Protein backbone atom coordinates (compact mmCIF):
# COMPACT_ATOMS: atom_id res chain seq x y z
CA MET A 1 -19.09 7.19 18.36
CA GLU A 2 -18.77 7.71 14.66
CA ARG A 3 -17.39 5.26 12.37
CA PHE A 4 -16.07 5.49 9.06
CA THR A 5 -15.95 2.85 6.59
CA GLY A 6 -12.98 1.11 5.20
CA GLN A 7 -13.02 3.06 1.90
CA LEU A 8 -10.61 5.36 3.97
CA SER A 9 -8.28 2.74 4.97
CA PHE A 10 -8.29 1.08 1.16
CA HIS A 11 -7.36 4.17 0.27
CA LEU A 12 -4.47 5.16 2.49
CA ARG A 13 -2.96 1.14 1.56
CA ILE A 14 -3.38 1.54 -2.39
CA THR A 15 -1.69 5.07 -2.22
CA TYR A 16 1.23 3.90 -0.06
CA SER A 17 1.50 0.85 -2.16
CA GLN A 18 2.26 2.76 -4.68
CA LEU A 19 4.19 5.13 -3.59
CA ARG A 20 6.44 2.46 -2.38
CA ALA A 21 6.26 0.13 -5.26
CA ASN A 22 7.27 3.59 -7.55
CA SER A 23 10.23 4.70 -5.24
CA TYR A 24 12.69 2.95 -7.96
CA GLY A 25 11.52 5.34 -10.35
CA LYS A 26 10.59 2.87 -12.38
CA ILE A 27 6.61 2.78 -13.39
CA ALA A 28 4.48 0.20 -11.63
CA VAL A 29 1.49 -0.77 -11.85
CA GLY A 30 -1.27 -2.49 -9.74
CA VAL A 31 -1.98 -6.14 -10.56
CA THR A 32 -3.96 -7.57 -7.47
CA THR A 33 -4.71 -6.59 -3.51
CA ASN A 34 -5.86 -8.49 -0.91
CA VAL A 35 -7.85 -6.50 2.10
CA ASN A 36 -8.73 -7.56 5.44
CA PHE A 37 -10.65 -5.14 7.28
CA ILE A 38 -10.03 -6.20 10.69
CA SER A 39 -11.80 -3.54 12.71
CA ALA A 40 -14.03 -0.17 11.93
CA GLY A 41 -11.53 3.19 12.36
CA LYS A 42 -13.39 5.74 14.35
CA ARG A 43 -13.48 9.66 13.83
CA GLY A 44 -10.76 11.63 14.79
CA GLU A 45 -8.44 8.98 15.12
CA THR A 46 -4.41 9.23 13.57
CA LEU A 47 -4.14 5.81 11.08
CA THR A 48 -0.69 4.62 10.31
CA ALA A 49 0.20 2.52 7.19
CA ASN A 50 3.09 0.53 6.80
CA ALA A 51 4.77 -1.45 3.82
CA LYS A 52 7.09 -3.90 3.53
CA GLU A 53 8.29 -5.31 0.13
CA ILE A 54 8.35 -9.02 0.60
CA LYS A 55 10.11 -9.72 -2.91
CA LYS A 56 11.47 -7.65 -6.02
CA ASN A 57 12.70 -8.62 -9.31
CA HIS A 58 12.67 -7.44 -13.07
CA LYS A 59 8.86 -7.60 -13.58
CA LEU A 60 6.69 -7.96 -10.54
CA ALA A 61 6.91 -6.85 -7.07
CA TRP A 62 5.13 -8.38 -3.84
CA TYR A 63 3.94 -5.74 -0.69
CA LYS A 64 2.56 -6.55 2.31
CA ILE A 65 0.71 -3.57 4.13
CA GLU A 66 -0.67 -2.78 7.81
CA VAL A 67 -2.92 0.38 9.02
CA LEU A 68 -3.08 1.21 12.06
CA ASN A 69 -4.85 3.31 14.89
CA GLU A 70 -3.64 4.58 18.14
CA LYS A 71 -4.08 1.21 19.25
CA GLU A 72 -4.73 -2.00 17.10
CA LEU A 73 -4.29 -2.97 13.46
CA ILE A 74 -7.31 -2.26 11.61
CA ALA A 75 -6.62 -3.47 8.17
CA THR A 76 -4.10 -5.30 6.26
CA MET A 77 -3.38 -5.36 2.80
CA GLU A 78 -1.28 -7.94 0.01
CA ALA A 79 -0.19 -6.38 -3.10
CA MET A 80 1.45 -7.38 -6.55
CA VAL A 81 2.73 -4.49 -8.83
CA TYR A 82 4.04 -5.48 -12.59
CA ARG A 83 7.00 -3.09 -13.32
CA LYS A 84 6.91 -1.94 -16.30
CA ASN A 85 10.07 -1.17 -18.23
CA HIS A 86 9.88 2.31 -18.44
CA TYR A 87 11.54 4.84 -15.81
CA PHE A 88 9.93 8.44 -15.08
CA VAL A 89 13.45 9.74 -13.65
CA GLN A 90 16.35 9.65 -15.93
CA GLN A 91 18.62 6.72 -14.79
CA ASP A 92 22.77 6.80 -14.77
CA GLU A 93 24.11 5.22 -17.49
């Protein structure tokens, strides 16, 4: 049984947190992340990432991300992003 390193689940969490943070159309850049690797993934498994926005204000936002395989939680991540004053989509006046 082959196991993969945490690199794949790390990239999945980073990508998902950035997609979630930028979903408001306002540029958000990562400030801090805290990653916990709980269990190793195995080749052929399907991984699922779920992100929850904990809090958001005009400058910062906090997220909690979980990565699961078909059976169990394999990693968690807490992320904080800085929300710039620049929008990448046109805003209605």
